Amino acid sequence: MKKIILILVLFLSATSVQSQCSFLKTVIRPDNNEIKYFNPKPVIRQAEYEVGIAIYKNITSNEFMLNISVLFKTMTSQKLTNKVIIQTTNNKGIELIPLKSESMVMNQRDIAIGLYKIEQVDLEELNRYPLKSLFFYLEDNLKGSTITENNSILITELNCF
């Protein structure tokens, strides 16, 4: 009986990861870099804004990046600046350096998008432990909060690579 339960749990886990991986998208940029990525999933919902995150991987250079998307609800649109600070359930603080930041309008809503480089040591931490909190800078003002949903999203997405 224990073997049947174990096999069922392993099957369900594999099915869950495979279904998540089916949402992996690919784009080849004009500079011939192949990027595989996920659409952001919400991790923080506040009255003023919502935050979604996703993993991007540059297949050409084998670099991982974290996408942070901030949807402005009641506050004025601002640009992501400076680093991102992540706390995992392992109580390790991670700081990611910015690579790119843009502001845009999507579906008549203001959004700030930032890409942050993930170093190998940080990648191992993010692949092993769920998220606890996420902090970022909007126009050099620190924002962020405790993760309220999808705290294992990075583990799930990293397992697709």
N, C-alpha and C. Protein backbone atom coordinates (compact mmCIF):
# COMPACT_ATOMS: atom_id res chain seq x y z
N MET A 1 0.83 -1.20 0.00
CA MET A 1 0.00 0.00 0.00
C MET A 1 0.87 1.26 0.00
N LYS A 2 1.95 1.25 0.79
CA LYS A 2 2.83 2.42 0.86
C LYS A 2 3.47 2.68 -0.50
N LYS A 3 3.81 1.60 -1.23
CA LYS A 3 4.42 1.75 -2.56
C LYS A 3 3.45 2.40 -3.53
N ILE A 4 2.19 2.01 -3.45
CA ILE A 4 1.18 2.58 -4.35
C ILE A 4 1.00 4.07 -4.07
N ILE A 5 0.96 4.44 -2.80
CA ILE A 5 0.82 5.86 -2.44
C ILE A 5 2.03 6.65 -2.90
N LEU A 6 3.22 6.11 -2.70
CA LEU A 6 4.45 6.78 -3.12
C LEU A 6 4.46 6.97 -4.64
N ILE A 7 4.09 5.94 -5.39
CA ILE A 7 4.06 6.04 -6.85
C ILE A 7 3.04 7.09 -7.28
N LEU A 8 1.88 7.11 -6.64
CA LEU A 8 0.86 8.09 -6.96
C LEU A 8 1.34 9.52 -6.69
N VAL A 9 2.00 9.73 -5.56
CA VAL A 9 2.53 11.06 -5.22
C VAL A 9 3.59 11.48 -6.24
N LEU A 10 4.50 10.60 -6.61
CA LEU A 10 5.53 10.91 -7.60
C LEU A 10 4.90 11.22 -8.96
N PHE A 11 3.89 10.46 -9.35
CA PHE A 11 3.21 10.70 -10.61
C PHE A 11 2.54 12.07 -10.63
N LEU A 12 1.82 12.38 -9.56
CA LEU A 12 1.14 13.68 -9.49
C LEU A 12 2.13 14.83 -9.48
N SER A 13 3.26 14.67 -8.81
CA SER A 13 4.29 15.71 -8.79
C SER A 13 4.86 15.91 -10.18
N ALA A 14 5.16 14.83 -10.88
CA ALA A 14 5.72 14.93 -12.23
C ALA A 14 4.71 15.56 -13.18
N THR A 15 3.44 15.19 -13.06
CA THR A 15 2.40 15.76 -13.91
C THR A 15 2.27 17.25 -13.68
N SER A 16 2.33 17.68 -12.42
CA SER A 16 2.23 19.09 -12.08
C SER A 16 3.36 19.89 -12.70
N VAL A 17 4.60 19.38 -12.60
CA VAL A 17 5.75 20.08 -13.18
C VAL A 17 5.65 20.10 -14.69
N GLN A 18 5.24 18.98 -15.32
CA GLN A 18 5.13 18.93 -16.77
C GLN A 18 4.08 19.93 -17.26
N SER A 19 2.95 20.03 -16.57
CA SER A 19 1.93 20.96 -17.01
C SER A 19 2.41 22.40 -16.88
N GLN A 20 3.16 22.70 -15.82
CA GLN A 20 3.74 24.03 -15.66
C GLN A 20 4.72 24.30 -16.79
N CYS A 21 5.52 23.30 -17.14
CA CYS A 21 6.54 23.48 -18.18
C CYS A 21 5.93 23.70 -19.55
N SER A 22 4.71 23.29 -19.76
CA SER A 22 4.07 23.50 -21.05
C SER A 22 3.81 24.98 -21.31
N PHE A 23 3.87 25.81 -20.27
CA PHE A 23 3.68 27.25 -20.44
C PHE A 23 4.99 27.97 -20.76
N LEU A 24 6.09 27.25 -20.85
CA LEU A 24 7.38 27.83 -21.19
C LEU A 24 7.35 28.35 -22.62
N LYS A 25 7.76 29.59 -22.80
CA LYS A 25 7.75 30.22 -24.12
C LYS A 25 9.18 30.46 -24.59
N THR A 26 9.34 30.61 -25.89
CA THR A 26 10.66 30.84 -26.48
C THR A 26 10.60 32.00 -27.46
N VAL A 27 11.62 32.84 -27.42
CA VAL A 27 11.74 33.92 -28.40
C VAL A 27 13.22 34.00 -28.80
N ILE A 28 13.45 34.28 -30.07
CA ILE A 28 14.81 34.51 -30.54
C ILE A 28 14.91 36.00 -30.85
N ARG A 29 15.77 36.67 -30.08
CA ARG A 29 15.90 38.12 -30.22
C ARG A 29 16.67 38.48 -31.49
N PRO A 30 16.63 39.74 -31.91
CA PRO A 30 17.35 40.17 -33.11
C PRO A 30 18.87 39.92 -33.02
N ASP A 31 19.42 39.85 -31.79
CA ASP A 31 20.85 39.58 -31.64
C ASP A 31 21.15 38.08 -31.62
N ASN A 32 20.16 37.25 -31.99
CA ASN A 32 20.25 35.80 -32.07
C ASN A 32 20.34 35.10 -30.72
N ASN A 33 20.07 35.79 -29.64
CA ASN A 33 19.99 35.14 -28.34
C ASN A 33 18.62 34.48 -28.21
N GLU A 34 18.63 33.21 -27.80
CA GLU A 34 17.39 32.48 -27.58
C GLU A 34 17.02 32.60 -26.11
N ILE A 35 15.81 33.12 -25.85
CA ILE A 35 15.34 33.32 -24.49
C ILE A 35 14.12 32.42 -24.26
N LYS A 36 14.17 31.65 -23.17
CA LYS A 36 13.01 30.86 -22.73
C LYS A 36 12.50 31.53 -21.47
N TYR A 37 11.17 31.65 -21.36
CA TYR A 37 10.62 32.40 -20.24
C TYR A 37 9.20 31.96 -19.92
N PHE A 38 8.74 32.37 -18.74
CA PHE A 38 7.37 32.18 -18.31
C PHE A 38 6.72 33.55 -18.17
N ASN A 39 5.41 33.59 -18.28
CA ASN A 39 4.69 34.81 -17.95
C ASN A 39 4.69 34.96 -16.44
N PRO A 40 4.74 36.20 -15.94
CA PRO A 40 4.76 36.41 -14.49
C PRO A 40 3.50 35.90 -13.80
N LYS A 41 3.69 35.34 -12.62
CA LYS A 41 2.57 34.92 -11.76
C LYS A 41 2.58 35.81 -10.53
N PRO A 42 1.40 36.15 -10.02
CA PRO A 42 1.34 37.05 -8.86
C PRO A 42 1.92 36.42 -7.60
N VAL A 43 2.66 37.23 -6.85
CA VAL A 43 3.21 36.79 -5.56
C VAL A 43 2.85 37.76 -4.43
N ILE A 44 2.55 39.01 -4.78
CA ILE A 44 2.18 40.03 -3.80
C ILE A 44 0.99 40.81 -4.34
N ARG A 45 -0.03 40.97 -3.52
CA ARG A 45 -1.17 41.83 -3.88
C ARG A 45 -1.35 42.85 -2.77
N GLN A 46 -1.16 44.10 -3.12
CA GLN A 46 -1.34 45.21 -2.19
C GLN A 46 -2.45 46.11 -2.75
N ALA A 47 -2.92 47.04 -1.94
CA ALA A 47 -3.96 47.97 -2.41
C ALA A 47 -3.43 48.87 -3.53
N GLU A 48 -2.14 49.24 -3.45
CA GLU A 48 -1.57 50.17 -4.42
C GLU A 48 -1.02 49.49 -5.67
N TYR A 49 -0.57 48.23 -5.54
CA TYR A 49 0.07 47.55 -6.66
C TYR A 49 0.02 46.03 -6.47
N GLU A 50 0.31 45.32 -7.56
CA GLU A 50 0.47 43.87 -7.52
C GLU A 50 1.81 43.54 -8.15
N VAL A 51 2.44 42.48 -7.66
CA VAL A 51 3.75 42.08 -8.15
C VAL A 51 3.68 40.65 -8.67
N GLY A 52 4.19 40.45 -9.88
CA GLY A 52 4.32 39.12 -10.46
C GLY A 52 5.78 38.85 -10.76
N ILE A 53 6.17 37.58 -10.70
CA ILE A 53 7.56 37.21 -11.00
C ILE A 53 7.59 36.01 -11.94
N ALA A 54 8.72 35.86 -12.64
CA ALA A 54 8.91 34.73 -13.55
C ALA A 54 10.40 34.55 -13.80
N ILE A 55 10.76 33.34 -14.21
CA ILE A 55 12.13 33.03 -14.58
C ILE A 55 12.31 33.19 -16.08
N TYR A 56 13.41 33.80 -16.47
CA TYR A 56 13.84 33.88 -17.86
C TYR A 56 15.19 33.18 -17.94
N LYS A 57 15.46 32.48 -19.04
CA LYS A 57 16.78 31.90 -19.25
C LYS A 57 17.26 32.24 -20.64
N ASN A 58 18.45 32.83 -20.71
CA ASN A 58 19.10 33.06 -21.99
C ASN A 58 19.81 31.75 -22.33
N ILE A 59 19.25 31.00 -23.24
CA ILE A 59 19.80 29.69 -23.63
C ILE A 59 21.17 29.86 -24.26
N THR A 60 21.35 30.92 -25.02
CA THR A 60 22.61 31.17 -25.72
C THR A 60 23.76 31.37 -24.75
N SER A 61 23.55 32.16 -23.69
CA SER A 61 24.63 32.45 -22.73
C SER A 61 24.51 31.63 -21.44
N ASN A 62 23.43 30.85 -21.32
CA ASN A 62 23.18 30.03 -20.13
C ASN A 62 23.03 30.87 -18.86
N GLU A 63 22.43 32.05 -18.99
CA GLU A 63 22.21 32.93 -17.84
C GLU A 63 20.74 32.91 -17.44
N PHE A 64 20.50 32.92 -16.13
CA PHE A 64 19.14 32.99 -15.61
C PHE A 64 18.85 34.41 -15.13
N MET A 65 17.60 34.82 -15.31
CA MET A 65 17.17 36.14 -14.89
C MET A 65 15.81 36.03 -14.19
N LEU A 66 15.56 36.98 -13.31
CA LEU A 66 14.27 37.08 -12.65
C LEU A 66 13.53 38.27 -13.23
N ASN A 67 12.32 38.03 -13.69
CA ASN A 67 11.46 39.11 -14.17
C ASN A 67 10.56 39.54 -13.02
N ILE A 68 10.54 40.83 -12.76
CA ILE A 68 9.62 41.42 -11.78
C ILE A 68 8.69 42.34 -12.56
N SER A 69 7.39 42.12 -12.42
CA SER A 69 6.40 42.97 -13.08
C SER A 69 5.52 43.58 -12.00
N VAL A 70 5.45 44.90 -11.98
CA VAL A 70 4.64 45.62 -10.99
C VAL A 70 3.48 46.28 -11.73
N LEU A 71 2.28 45.86 -11.38
CA LEU A 71 1.05 46.43 -11.93
C LEU A 71 0.55 47.50 -10.96
N PHE A 72 0.47 48.74 -11.43
CA PHE A 72 0.05 49.84 -10.58
C PHE A 72 -1.46 49.92 -10.54
N LYS A 73 -2.03 49.89 -9.34
CA LYS A 73 -3.47 49.93 -9.18
C LYS A 73 -3.93 51.33 -8.80
N THR A 74 -3.44 51.83 -7.66
CA THR A 74 -3.87 53.16 -7.19
C THR A 74 -2.72 54.16 -7.12
N MET A 75 -1.51 53.72 -7.30
CA MET A 75 -0.38 54.65 -7.24
C MET A 75 0.09 55.01 -8.64
N THR A 76 0.78 56.12 -8.74
CA THR A 76 1.32 56.60 -10.00
C THR A 76 2.40 55.65 -10.50
N SER A 77 2.43 55.44 -11.79
CA SER A 77 3.43 54.56 -12.41
C SER A 77 4.84 55.06 -12.11
N GLN A 78 5.71 54.13 -11.77
CA GLN A 78 7.11 54.44 -11.50
C GLN A 78 7.98 53.37 -12.13
N LYS A 79 9.25 53.68 -12.28
CA LYS A 79 10.20 52.75 -12.88
C LYS A 79 10.93 51.96 -11.80
N LEU A 80 11.19 50.67 -12.07
CA LEU A 80 12.00 49.87 -11.15
C LEU A 80 13.45 50.33 -11.24
N THR A 81 14.05 50.57 -10.11
CA THR A 81 15.45 50.99 -10.05
C THR A 81 16.16 50.15 -9.00
N ASN A 82 17.46 50.12 -9.07
CA ASN A 82 18.28 49.48 -8.05
C ASN A 82 18.06 47.97 -8.01
N LYS A 83 18.49 47.34 -6.94
CA LYS A 83 18.47 45.88 -6.80
C LYS A 83 17.13 45.36 -6.29
N VAL A 84 16.98 44.04 -6.34
CA VAL A 84 15.84 43.33 -5.76
C VAL A 84 16.39 42.52 -4.58
N ILE A 85 15.64 42.51 -3.49
CA ILE A 85 16.04 41.77 -2.29
C ILE A 85 15.00 40.67 -2.06
N ILE A 86 15.48 39.43 -1.97
CA ILE A 86 14.60 38.28 -1.80
C ILE A 86 14.99 37.56 -0.52
N GLN A 87 13.99 37.19 0.25
CA GLN A 87 14.18 36.37 1.44
C GLN A 87 13.51 35.03 1.19
N THR A 88 14.23 33.92 1.40
CA THR A 88 13.64 32.59 1.25
C THR A 88 13.29 32.04 2.63
N THR A 89 12.63 30.89 2.65
CA THR A 89 12.29 30.26 3.93
C THR A 89 13.53 29.72 4.62
N ASN A 90 14.65 29.71 3.92
CA ASN A 90 15.92 29.34 4.51
C ASN A 90 16.54 30.52 5.26
N ASN A 91 15.83 31.64 5.29
CA ASN A 91 16.28 32.87 5.94
C ASN A 91 17.54 33.45 5.33
N LYS A 92 17.80 33.13 4.07
CA LYS A 92 18.94 33.70 3.38
C LYS A 92 18.47 34.89 2.56
N GLY A 93 19.15 35.99 2.67
CA GLY A 93 18.85 37.16 1.86
C GLY A 93 19.61 37.11 0.56
N ILE A 94 18.93 37.42 -0.52
CA ILE A 94 19.54 37.42 -1.85
C ILE A 94 19.33 38.81 -2.45
N GLU A 95 20.38 39.35 -3.04
CA GLU A 95 20.28 40.62 -3.75
C GLU A 95 20.61 40.37 -5.21
N LEU A 96 19.72 40.79 -6.10
CA LEU A 96 19.94 40.62 -7.52
C LEU A 96 20.14 41.98 -8.17
N ILE A 97 21.11 42.06 -9.05
CA ILE A 97 21.41 43.33 -9.71
C ILE A 97 20.54 43.50 -10.96
N PRO A 98 20.13 44.74 -11.23
CA PRO A 98 19.26 44.99 -12.39
C PRO A 98 20.02 44.89 -13.71
N LEU A 99 19.35 44.32 -14.71
CA LEU A 99 19.89 44.28 -16.07
C LEU A 99 19.14 45.25 -16.98
N LYS A 100 17.81 45.33 -16.77
CA LYS A 100 16.99 46.16 -17.63
C LYS A 100 15.71 46.54 -16.89
N SER A 101 15.22 47.74 -17.17
CA SER A 101 13.98 48.20 -16.56
C SER A 101 13.20 49.04 -17.57
N GLU A 102 11.90 48.77 -17.66
CA GLU A 102 11.05 49.53 -18.58
C GLU A 102 9.70 49.79 -17.93
N SER A 103 9.05 50.84 -18.40
CA SER A 103 7.66 51.11 -18.02
C SER A 103 6.83 50.99 -19.28
N MET A 104 5.61 50.46 -19.14
CA MET A 104 4.75 50.32 -20.31
C MET A 104 3.29 50.33 -19.89
N VAL A 105 2.43 50.43 -20.87
CA VAL A 105 0.99 50.33 -20.65
C VAL A 105 0.54 49.04 -21.32
N MET A 106 -0.14 48.20 -20.55
CA MET A 106 -0.65 46.95 -21.07
C MET A 106 -2.11 46.82 -20.64
N ASN A 107 -2.99 46.64 -21.59
CA ASN A 107 -4.43 46.57 -21.32
C ASN A 107 -4.91 47.79 -20.52
N GLN A 108 -4.45 48.96 -20.92
CA GLN A 108 -4.80 50.24 -20.30
C GLN A 108 -4.35 50.33 -18.84
N ARG A 109 -3.35 49.53 -18.44
CA ARG A 109 -2.83 49.56 -17.07
C ARG A 109 -1.33 49.85 -17.12
N ASP A 110 -0.85 50.67 -16.19
CA ASP A 110 0.58 50.98 -16.12
C ASP A 110 1.33 49.83 -15.44
N ILE A 111 2.46 49.46 -16.06
CA ILE A 111 3.27 48.35 -15.55
C ILE A 111 4.74 48.74 -15.60
N ALA A 112 5.47 48.36 -14.56
CA ALA A 112 6.92 48.47 -14.55
C ALA A 112 7.48 47.05 -14.65
N ILE A 113 8.46 46.87 -15.53
CA ILE A 113 9.06 45.55 -15.73
C ILE A 113 10.57 45.67 -15.53
N GLY A 114 11.12 44.74 -14.78
CA GLY A 114 12.56 44.71 -14.57
C GLY A 114 13.10 43.30 -14.72
N LEU A 115 14.31 43.20 -15.27
CA LEU A 115 15.02 41.93 -15.35
C LEU A 115 16.26 42.03 -14.47
N TYR A 116 16.48 40.97 -13.67
CA TYR A 116 17.57 40.95 -12.70
C TYR A 116 18.37 39.67 -12.89
N LYS A 117 19.69 39.79 -12.88
CA LYS A 117 20.57 38.64 -13.09
C LYS A 117 20.60 37.76 -11.84
N ILE A 118 20.49 36.45 -12.06
CA ILE A 118 20.57 35.47 -10.97
C ILE A 118 21.93 34.78 -11.06
N GLU A 119 22.76 34.96 -10.04
CA GLU A 119 24.06 34.29 -9.98
C GLU A 119 23.86 32.82 -9.59
N GLN A 120 24.84 31.98 -9.86
CA GLN A 120 24.74 30.54 -9.62
C GLN A 120 24.41 30.21 -8.16
N VAL A 121 25.07 30.86 -7.22
CA VAL A 121 24.81 30.58 -5.80
C VAL A 121 23.37 30.95 -5.42
N ASP A 122 22.86 32.03 -6.00
CA ASP A 122 21.47 32.43 -5.75
C ASP A 122 20.49 31.49 -6.43
N LEU A 123 20.87 30.99 -7.58
CA LEU A 123 20.04 30.04 -8.31
C LEU A 123 19.81 28.78 -7.49
N GLU A 124 20.85 28.30 -6.85
CA GLU A 124 20.73 27.10 -6.00
C GLU A 124 19.78 27.35 -4.83
N GLU A 125 19.85 28.52 -4.24
CA GLU A 125 18.95 28.88 -3.12
C GLU A 125 17.50 28.98 -3.59
N LEU A 126 17.29 29.64 -4.73
CA LEU A 126 15.93 29.83 -5.25
C LEU A 126 15.31 28.52 -5.74
N ASN A 127 16.16 27.60 -6.15
CA ASN A 127 15.68 26.30 -6.62
C ASN A 127 15.34 25.35 -5.47
N ARG A 128 15.79 25.68 -4.29
CA ARG A 128 15.65 24.78 -3.14
C ARG A 128 14.61 25.24 -2.12
N TYR A 129 14.44 26.53 -1.94
CA TYR A 129 13.59 27.05 -0.87
C TYR A 129 12.49 27.98 -1.39
N PRO A 130 11.28 27.85 -0.86
CA PRO A 130 10.19 28.77 -1.24
C PRO A 130 10.50 30.21 -0.82
N LEU A 131 9.81 31.12 -1.46
CA LEU A 131 10.00 32.54 -1.18
C LEU A 131 9.25 32.95 0.10
N LYS A 132 9.85 33.88 0.81
CA LYS A 132 9.25 34.41 2.03
C LYS A 132 8.85 35.87 1.83
N SER A 133 9.76 36.66 1.25
CA SER A 133 9.45 38.07 0.99
C SER A 133 10.25 38.57 -0.22
N LEU A 134 9.76 39.68 -0.76
CA LEU A 134 10.37 40.28 -1.95
C LEU A 134 10.31 41.79 -1.79
N PHE A 135 11.45 42.44 -1.96
CA PHE A 135 11.53 43.90 -1.88
C PHE A 135 12.24 44.43 -3.10
N PHE A 136 11.81 45.58 -3.58
CA PHE A 136 12.34 46.18 -4.80
C PHE A 136 12.25 47.69 -4.65
N TYR A 137 12.89 48.38 -5.56
CA TYR A 137 12.90 49.84 -5.53
C TYR A 137 12.10 50.41 -6.69
N LEU A 138 11.16 51.28 -6.36
CA LEU A 138 10.44 52.06 -7.36
C LEU A 138 10.91 53.50 -7.21
N GLU A 139 11.59 54.01 -8.26
CA GLU A 139 12.14 55.37 -8.21
C GLU A 139 12.94 55.57 -6.91
N ASP A 140 13.73 54.59 -6.56
CA ASP A 140 14.62 54.59 -5.39
C ASP A 140 13.89 54.55 -4.04
N ASN A 141 12.59 54.25 -4.03
CA ASN A 141 11.84 54.05 -2.79
C ASN A 141 11.60 52.55 -2.61
N LEU A 142 12.02 52.03 -1.46
CA LEU A 142 11.90 50.59 -1.19
C LEU A 142 10.42 50.20 -1.01
N LYS A 143 9.99 49.21 -1.76
CA LYS A 143 8.63 48.66 -1.69
C LYS A 143 8.75 47.15 -1.58
N GLY A 144 7.64 46.50 -1.30
CA GLY A 144 7.62 45.05 -1.25
C GLY A 144 6.91 44.56 -0.02
N SER A 145 6.93 43.24 0.17
CA SER A 145 6.14 42.68 1.25
C SER A 145 6.44 41.19 1.37
N THR A 146 5.75 40.58 2.31
CA THR A 146 5.76 39.13 2.44
C THR A 146 5.04 38.55 1.23
N ILE A 147 5.54 37.43 0.73
CA ILE A 147 4.89 36.74 -0.38
C ILE A 147 3.55 36.21 0.11
N THR A 148 2.49 36.51 -0.63
CA THR A 148 1.15 36.10 -0.21
C THR A 148 0.60 34.92 -1.02
N GLU A 149 1.21 34.62 -2.16
CA GLU A 149 0.77 33.49 -2.98
C GLU A 149 1.89 33.04 -3.91
N ASN A 150 1.76 31.83 -4.42
CA ASN A 150 2.73 31.26 -5.36
C ASN A 150 4.17 31.30 -4.81
N ASN A 151 4.36 30.99 -3.54
CA ASN A 151 5.69 31.11 -2.94
C ASN A 151 6.69 30.08 -3.48
N SER A 152 6.22 29.03 -4.16
CA SER A 152 7.13 28.02 -4.73
C SER A 152 7.25 28.15 -6.25
N ILE A 153 6.79 29.26 -6.81
CA ILE A 153 6.77 29.41 -8.26
C ILE A 153 8.16 29.32 -8.89
N LEU A 154 9.19 29.86 -8.24
CA LEU A 154 10.52 29.82 -8.83
C LEU A 154 11.08 28.40 -8.83
N ILE A 155 10.79 27.64 -7.79
CA ILE A 155 11.22 26.24 -7.73
C ILE A 155 10.58 25.48 -8.90
N THR A 156 9.30 25.66 -9.09
CA THR A 156 8.57 24.98 -10.17
C THR A 156 9.13 25.37 -11.52
N GLU A 157 9.32 26.67 -11.75
CA GLU A 157 9.82 27.12 -13.05
C GLU A 157 11.25 26.70 -13.30
N LEU A 158 12.11 26.76 -12.30
CA LEU A 158 13.51 26.34 -12.48
C LEU A 158 13.62 24.86 -12.79
N ASN A 159 12.70 24.06 -12.28
CA ASN A 159 12.72 22.62 -12.58
C ASN A 159 12.40 22.33 -14.04
N CYS A 160 11.90 23.30 -14.76
CA CYS A 160 11.59 23.11 -16.19
C CYS A 160 12.84 23.26 -17.06
N PHE A 161 13.92 23.78 -16.52
CA PHE A 161 15.12 23.99 -17.32
C PHE A 161 16.10 22.85 -17.14
